[in-house]
Amino acid sequence: MVSVSEYRRDPVTGRWVVVSTETPRPTDFEHESVTVRPDPHCPLCEGHETMTPSELWVDRPAGGPNGPGWTVRVVPNQSPLVRVESPLERQGEGLFDKVTGVGAHEVVVESPHHGETLATLGDDAVARVLWALRERAQDLKRDTRFRYFLMFKNHGAAAGAALAHAHTQLMALPVVPREARDEVEGARAHFAAKERCLYCDIIRQEEEDGRRLVVRHTAFTALAPFASRSPFETWILPRRHASRYEDVTMGDCHELARTLGEVLRRLNKALETPPYTMVIHSAPLADGLEFYHWHIEILPKVTRSGTLEWTTGFHVNPTRPEDAAAFLRQVTV
């Protein structure tokens, strides 16, 4: 029987993907497993605090400022794409628009130990990382120039990580990125038509269906989205409606740490410690309380983009989300 691919439409953004109906095994993907090798010159390790800018936020049970004794540390990015000190100026150049490079670009160092990752840290340690992101977002939102927070993690060189030491980045931007705007508008349209949150509807349907469900805990659900862009793409969503990540409680962080750690360990075992990108999607600062639903998207980097993706925006996924979710459910961690 000849295998036939199918087009799938993302219900939030309207984005189309091409999904293969002949699913390869996880071992069929060719990628380099992420290995964190010792680095005596790593600027993010404990004891090397003088190699980074002064900390902006820290969880430090012992010791003094900008010294050892911390568990999570937040510092400015040494090569920031945007800067807080820049003035906000919006300009037109004929048909074109431009904005000065104002913003914040920070690094959340997840552990003082070089070899630790979010998959190997305990739930309490991961919760402190998640809380650090929340605290920095709460502080930065006081700056009225900012309209959107981008919180993302690149794990492994193939995913774009410049440093092997576990870290997450946070950027505050004066504009709302297109991807975020598409999500917000899709959620807004669904709410206007049905007076229900689209993401809440997705959670309800996926939990009842079960085929794409990966993990369901008390406060969070992890699932393979219907129109997954890449093999083993996984979303983590709060089961209770919430619009902004920066409003999470410490209790939420502990519940999320449990779900996130389990998902990452399942992905590591299924795909032999793949590189991945993780993004926290939160509502823009001026919008989204009723109809938007914050969530985390994790995309393992086990395939390469081709001409079709660049020219049409169609992602090609050789793995059915149903099969990926079933495989992850079977993994023991």
Protein backbone atom coordinates (compact mmCIF):
# COMPACT_ATOMS: atom_id res chain seq x y z
CA MET A 1 0.00 0.00 0.00
CA VAL A 2 1.38 3.40 -1.02
CA SER A 3 1.76 5.88 1.83
CA VAL A 4 0.02 9.23 1.29
CA SER A 5 0.96 12.37 3.17
CA GLU A 6 -1.70 14.73 4.46
CA TYR A 7 -2.04 18.46 5.03
CA ARG A 8 -2.96 19.53 8.56
CA ARG A 9 -4.05 23.00 9.60
CA ASP A 10 -3.09 24.50 12.95
CA PRO A 11 -6.38 25.65 14.57
CA VAL A 12 -4.73 28.64 16.26
CA THR A 13 -2.61 30.30 13.57
CA GLY A 14 -4.06 28.73 10.42
CA ARG A 15 -0.56 27.47 9.55
CA TRP A 16 -0.48 24.36 7.34
CA VAL A 17 1.95 21.48 7.73
CA VAL A 18 2.56 18.37 5.64
CA VAL A 19 2.53 15.23 7.79
CA SER A 20 3.74 11.85 6.58
CA THR A 21 1.49 8.86 7.24
CA GLU A 22 4.45 6.47 7.16
CA THR A 23 6.11 7.13 10.49
CA PRO A 24 9.82 6.34 11.00
CA ARG A 25 11.13 5.06 14.30
CA PRO A 26 12.86 7.62 16.55
CA THR A 27 16.18 5.87 15.87
CA ASP A 28 15.79 6.63 12.14
CA PHE A 29 16.51 10.33 12.67
CA GLU A 30 20.09 11.47 12.16
CA HIS A 31 21.14 14.06 14.72
CA GLU A 32 23.99 14.56 17.11
CA SER A 33 23.08 13.80 20.71
CA VAL A 34 23.75 16.70 23.05
CA THR A 35 26.77 16.05 25.26
CA VAL A 36 27.87 18.66 27.78
CA ARG A 37 31.65 18.40 28.05
CA PRO A 38 33.69 19.99 30.86
CA ASP A 39 34.85 23.54 30.16
CA PRO A 40 37.20 25.16 32.67
CA HIS A 41 36.63 28.53 30.99
CA CYS A 42 32.81 28.49 31.00
CA PRO A 43 31.64 31.97 32.12
CA LEU A 44 28.37 30.60 33.55
CA CYS A 45 29.89 28.17 36.04
CA GLU A 46 29.93 28.86 39.77
CA GLY A 47 33.18 30.58 40.72
CA HIS A 48 33.39 32.43 37.39
CA GLU A 49 30.96 35.22 38.31
CA THR A 50 33.47 37.92 37.36
CA MET A 51 33.31 36.65 33.75
CA THR A 52 29.71 37.89 33.37
CA PRO A 53 28.02 41.25 33.89
CA SER A 54 26.64 41.89 37.39
CA GLU A 55 23.62 39.78 38.26
CA LEU A 56 20.13 41.21 37.86
CA TRP A 57 18.41 38.57 40.01
CA VAL A 58 19.70 35.63 41.99
CA ASP A 59 18.59 32.75 44.18
CA ARG A 60 21.51 32.52 46.60
CA PRO A 61 21.24 30.49 49.83
CA ALA A 62 24.77 31.51 50.82
CA GLY A 63 27.55 33.91 49.89
CA GLY A 64 27.60 37.52 48.74
CA PRO A 65 26.53 39.38 45.57
CA ASN A 66 28.20 38.31 42.33
CA GLY A 67 29.98 35.44 44.05
CA PRO A 68 29.52 31.68 44.59
CA GLY A 69 26.71 30.12 46.62
CA TRP A 70 23.82 30.60 44.16
CA THR A 71 21.37 28.12 42.63
CA VAL A 72 19.92 30.28 39.80
CA ARG A 73 21.44 33.47 38.48
CA VAL A 74 20.20 36.05 35.94
CA VAL A 75 22.67 38.30 34.14
CA PRO A 76 22.55 40.59 31.09
CA ASN A 77 23.51 38.90 27.83
CA GLN A 78 27.10 39.84 27.03
CA SER A 79 26.23 40.25 23.33
CA PRO A 80 22.67 41.60 23.50
CA LEU A 81 20.54 41.96 20.40
CA VAL A 82 18.70 44.85 22.08
CA ARG A 83 19.57 47.22 24.90
CA VAL A 84 17.57 48.82 27.71
CA GLU A 85 19.61 52.00 27.39
CA SER A 86 18.46 52.66 23.81
CA PRO A 87 15.74 55.30 23.36
CA LEU A 88 12.46 54.18 21.80
CA GLU A 89 12.04 55.88 18.45
CA ARG A 90 9.57 54.77 15.78
CA GLN A 91 10.43 56.06 12.34
CA GLY A 92 9.13 55.84 8.81
CA GLU A 93 11.28 55.65 5.70
CA GLY A 94 8.88 55.96 2.82
CA LEU A 95 6.85 52.73 2.87
CA PHE A 96 9.16 51.19 5.47
CA ASP A 97 9.00 51.24 9.26
CA LYS A 98 11.79 50.91 11.76
CA VAL A 99 12.20 51.07 15.53
CA THR A 100 15.40 51.66 17.47
CA GLY A 101 16.89 48.58 19.11
CA VAL A 102 15.48 49.12 22.57
CA GLY A 103 14.76 46.10 24.74
CA ALA A 104 16.21 43.77 27.32
CA HIS A 105 18.22 40.62 26.67
CA GLU A 106 18.98 38.49 29.72
CA VAL A 107 20.39 35.05 30.48
CA VAL A 108 18.94 32.81 33.19
CA VAL A 109 21.71 30.44 34.33
CA GLU A 110 19.84 27.32 35.38
CA SER A 111 22.45 25.71 37.59
CA PRO A 112 25.89 26.48 39.04
CA HIS A 113 27.04 23.05 37.79
CA HIS A 114 28.22 22.75 34.20
CA GLY A 115 26.76 19.34 33.36
CA GLU A 116 23.24 19.79 34.73
CA THR A 117 20.19 20.27 32.46
CA LEU A 118 16.49 20.80 33.01
CA ALA A 119 16.07 17.07 32.42
CA THR A 120 18.53 16.09 35.15
CA LEU A 121 17.78 18.76 37.76
CA GLY A 122 15.26 17.93 40.46
CA ASP A 123 11.78 19.44 40.40
CA ASP A 124 12.64 22.01 43.09
CA ALA A 125 15.63 23.26 41.09
CA VAL A 126 13.61 23.49 37.86
CA ALA A 127 10.88 25.37 39.75
CA ARG A 128 13.47 27.97 40.82
CA VAL A 129 14.46 28.47 37.17
CA LEU A 130 10.81 28.95 36.19
CA TRP A 131 10.34 31.38 39.08
CA ALA A 132 13.38 33.39 38.00
CA LEU A 133 11.79 33.90 34.57
CA ARG A 134 8.57 34.98 36.23
CA GLU A 135 10.33 37.45 38.51
CA ARG A 136 12.34 39.03 35.72
CA ALA A 137 9.23 39.38 33.53
CA GLN A 138 7.35 41.03 36.38
CA ASP A 139 10.20 43.51 36.83
CA LEU A 140 10.60 44.30 33.14
CA LYS A 141 6.88 44.85 32.52
CA ARG A 142 7.16 48.04 34.57
CA ASP A 143 8.94 49.54 31.55
CA THR A 144 6.07 50.84 29.42
CA ARG A 145 8.17 50.67 26.25
CA PHE A 146 7.90 46.88 26.17
CA ARG A 147 5.02 45.04 24.54
CA TYR A 148 6.14 41.43 24.51
CA PHE A 149 8.34 38.96 26.41
CA LEU A 150 10.21 36.28 24.48
CA MET A 151 11.38 33.46 26.78
CA PHE A 152 13.29 30.73 25.00
CA LYS A 153 15.89 28.02 25.45
CA ASN A 154 18.22 26.57 22.81
CA HIS A 155 19.63 23.25 24.00
CA GLY A 156 22.62 22.02 22.00
CA ALA A 157 24.66 23.63 19.24
CA ALA A 158 22.31 22.31 16.54
CA ALA A 159 19.50 24.27 18.19
CA GLY A 160 21.57 27.46 18.25
CA ALA A 161 23.08 27.39 21.74
CA ALA A 162 26.37 29.29 21.85
CA LEU A 163 27.21 28.01 25.35
CA ALA A 164 26.86 24.43 26.57
CA HIS A 165 26.08 25.43 30.16
CA ALA A 166 22.32 25.16 30.75
CA HIS A 167 20.63 28.53 30.34
CA THR A 168 17.43 30.16 29.15
CA GLN A 169 17.14 33.58 27.54
CA LEU A 170 14.58 36.31 28.11
CA MET A 171 14.01 39.25 25.80
CA ALA A 172 11.67 42.21 26.31
CA LEU A 173 10.63 43.77 22.98
CA PRO A 174 8.87 46.99 21.92
CA VAL A 175 6.97 45.11 19.18
CA VAL A 176 4.86 41.94 19.10
CA PRO A 177 6.45 39.29 16.83
CA ARG A 178 4.38 38.01 13.90
CA GLU A 179 4.11 34.46 15.28
CA ALA A 180 2.74 35.76 18.57
CA ARG A 181 0.38 38.13 16.78
CA ASP A 182 -0.98 35.27 14.64
CA GLU A 183 -1.63 33.21 17.77
CA VAL A 184 -3.41 36.07 19.50
CA GLU A 185 -5.60 36.85 16.50
CA GLY A 186 -6.53 33.19 16.04
CA ALA A 187 -7.45 32.88 19.71
CA ARG A 188 -9.37 36.17 19.57
CA ALA A 189 -11.42 35.06 16.56
CA HIS A 190 -12.33 31.75 18.24
CA PHE A 191 -13.38 33.56 21.42
CA ALA A 192 -15.46 36.08 19.46
CA ALA A 193 -17.32 33.27 17.69
CA LYS A 194 -17.77 30.86 20.61
CA GLU A 195 -17.04 32.78 23.82
CA ARG A 196 -14.54 30.08 24.79
CA CYS A 197 -10.76 29.94 24.93
CA LEU A 198 -9.42 28.03 21.94
CA TYR A 199 -6.59 26.49 23.94
CA CYS A 200 -9.00 25.34 26.65
CA ASP A 201 -11.03 23.68 23.89
CA ILE A 202 -7.88 22.00 22.56
CA ILE A 203 -6.97 20.69 26.03
CA ARG A 204 -10.48 19.35 26.59
CA GLN A 205 -10.62 17.62 23.21
CA GLU A 206 -7.12 16.14 23.40
CA GLU A 207 -7.64 14.80 26.92
CA GLU A 208 -10.89 13.15 25.84
CA ASP A 209 -9.40 11.78 22.61
CA GLY A 210 -6.11 10.64 24.15
CA ARG A 211 -4.24 9.80 20.93
CA ARG A 212 -1.95 12.83 21.08
CA LEU A 213 -1.74 13.04 24.87
CA VAL A 214 1.78 12.62 26.30
CA VAL A 215 1.42 13.41 30.02
CA ARG A 216 -1.49 14.68 32.11
CA HIS A 217 -0.88 15.89 35.63
CA THR A 218 -3.13 17.79 38.01
CA ALA A 219 -2.25 21.28 36.77
CA PHE A 220 -0.60 20.74 33.36
CA THR A 221 -1.15 18.68 30.23
CA ALA A 222 1.52 17.79 27.67
CA LEU A 223 0.46 16.82 24.15
CA ALA A 224 1.64 16.47 20.58
CA PRO A 225 -0.19 19.22 18.63
CA PHE A 226 -2.46 18.07 15.77
CA ALA A 227 -0.44 20.06 13.21
CA SER A 228 3.04 19.39 14.61
CA ARG A 229 5.76 21.19 12.67
CA SER A 230 8.52 18.71 13.50
CA PRO A 231 8.86 15.16 14.85
CA PHE A 232 7.97 14.90 18.55
CA GLU A 233 6.94 18.54 18.90
CA THR A 234 5.34 18.79 22.35
CA TRP A 235 3.22 21.46 24.01
CA ILE A 236 2.73 21.92 27.75
CA LEU A 237 -0.39 23.85 28.76
CA PRO A 238 -1.88 24.84 32.12
CA ARG A 239 -5.19 23.01 32.52
CA ARG A 240 -6.67 26.07 34.24
CA HIS A 241 -7.08 29.07 31.96
CA ALA A 242 -4.30 31.64 32.37
CA SER A 243 -3.16 34.26 29.91
CA ARG A 244 0.24 35.42 31.13
CA TYR A 245 3.20 33.36 32.23
CA GLU A 246 4.44 36.14 34.50
CA ASP A 247 1.36 35.67 36.72
CA VAL A 248 2.28 32.11 37.76
CA THR A 249 2.58 31.30 41.45
CA MET A 250 5.38 29.34 43.11
CA GLY A 251 2.92 26.46 43.34
CA ASP A 252 2.39 26.66 39.57
CA CYS A 253 6.17 26.56 39.06
CA HIS A 254 6.50 23.37 41.10
CA GLU A 255 3.66 21.70 39.18
CA LEU A 256 5.13 22.87 35.86
CA ALA A 257 8.61 21.67 36.85
CA ARG A 258 7.22 18.17 37.39
CA THR A 259 5.58 18.07 33.96
CA LEU A 260 8.45 19.76 32.10
CA GLY A 261 11.08 17.50 33.65
CA GLU A 262 9.11 14.39 32.75
CA VAL A 263 8.56 15.50 29.16
CA LEU A 264 12.25 16.32 28.65
CA ARG A 265 13.34 13.00 30.13
CA ARG A 266 10.94 11.16 27.83
CA LEU A 267 12.28 13.06 24.81
CA ASN A 268 15.87 12.35 25.88
CA LYS A 269 15.20 8.64 26.12
CA ALA A 270 13.14 8.42 22.93
CA LEU A 271 15.48 10.51 20.77
CA GLU A 272 18.83 9.92 22.49
CA THR A 273 19.20 13.39 24.08
CA PRO A 274 18.28 15.57 21.09
CA PRO A 275 18.97 19.26 20.63
CA TYR A 276 15.77 21.25 21.04
CA THR A 277 14.27 24.69 21.19
CA MET A 278 11.79 25.54 23.93
CA VAL A 279 9.67 28.70 23.90
CA ILE A 280 7.26 30.04 26.50
CA HIS A 281 4.33 31.69 24.70
CA SER A 282 2.65 34.37 26.81
CA ALA A 283 0.08 37.04 25.99
CA PRO A 284 1.37 40.41 24.79
CA LEU A 285 1.39 42.94 27.61
CA ALA A 286 -1.61 44.88 26.29
CA ASP A 287 -3.85 42.00 25.27
CA GLY A 288 -5.18 38.52 25.69
CA LEU A 289 -6.56 38.04 29.20
CA GLU A 290 -9.86 36.42 28.24
CA PHE A 291 -9.00 34.56 25.08
CA TYR A 292 -5.26 33.79 25.12
CA HIS A 293 -3.73 30.85 27.01
CA TRP A 294 -0.02 30.78 27.83
CA HIS A 295 1.85 27.58 27.06
CA ILE A 296 5.27 26.06 26.31
CA GLU A 297 6.29 24.68 22.91
CA ILE A 298 9.22 22.24 22.64
CA LEU A 299 10.63 21.42 19.18
CA PRO A 300 13.36 18.76 18.99
CA LYS A 301 15.84 19.50 16.19
CA VAL A 302 16.00 16.11 14.47
CA THR A 303 15.21 17.14 10.87
CA ARG A 304 16.36 19.93 8.58
CA SER A 305 14.26 22.58 6.87
CA GLY A 306 14.17 22.54 3.06
CA THR A 307 13.00 24.67 0.17
CA LEU A 308 9.32 23.95 0.78
CA GLU A 309 9.46 25.43 4.28
CA TRP A 310 11.25 28.57 3.10
CA THR A 311 9.06 29.21 0.03
CA THR A 312 5.60 28.27 1.32
CA GLY A 313 5.83 28.33 5.12
CA PHE A 314 4.64 24.69 5.08
CA HIS A 315 6.56 22.60 7.59
CA VAL A 316 7.20 18.98 6.61
CA ASN A 317 6.87 16.53 9.48
CA PRO A 318 7.79 12.89 8.74
CA THR A 319 6.23 11.68 12.02
CA ARG A 320 2.52 11.53 12.79
CA PRO A 321 1.84 13.32 16.10
CA GLU A 322 -0.31 10.38 17.19
CA ASP A 323 2.62 8.00 16.78
CA ALA A 324 5.07 10.36 18.50
CA ALA A 325 2.75 10.77 21.49
CA ALA A 326 2.19 7.01 21.73
CA PHE A 327 5.92 6.38 21.70
CA LEU A 328 6.57 8.99 24.41
CA ARG A 329 3.81 7.52 26.59
CA GLN A 330 5.52 4.13 26.43
CA VAL A 331 8.91 5.51 27.50
CA THR A 332 9.77 4.75 31.11
CA VAL A 333 11.50 7.53 33.06
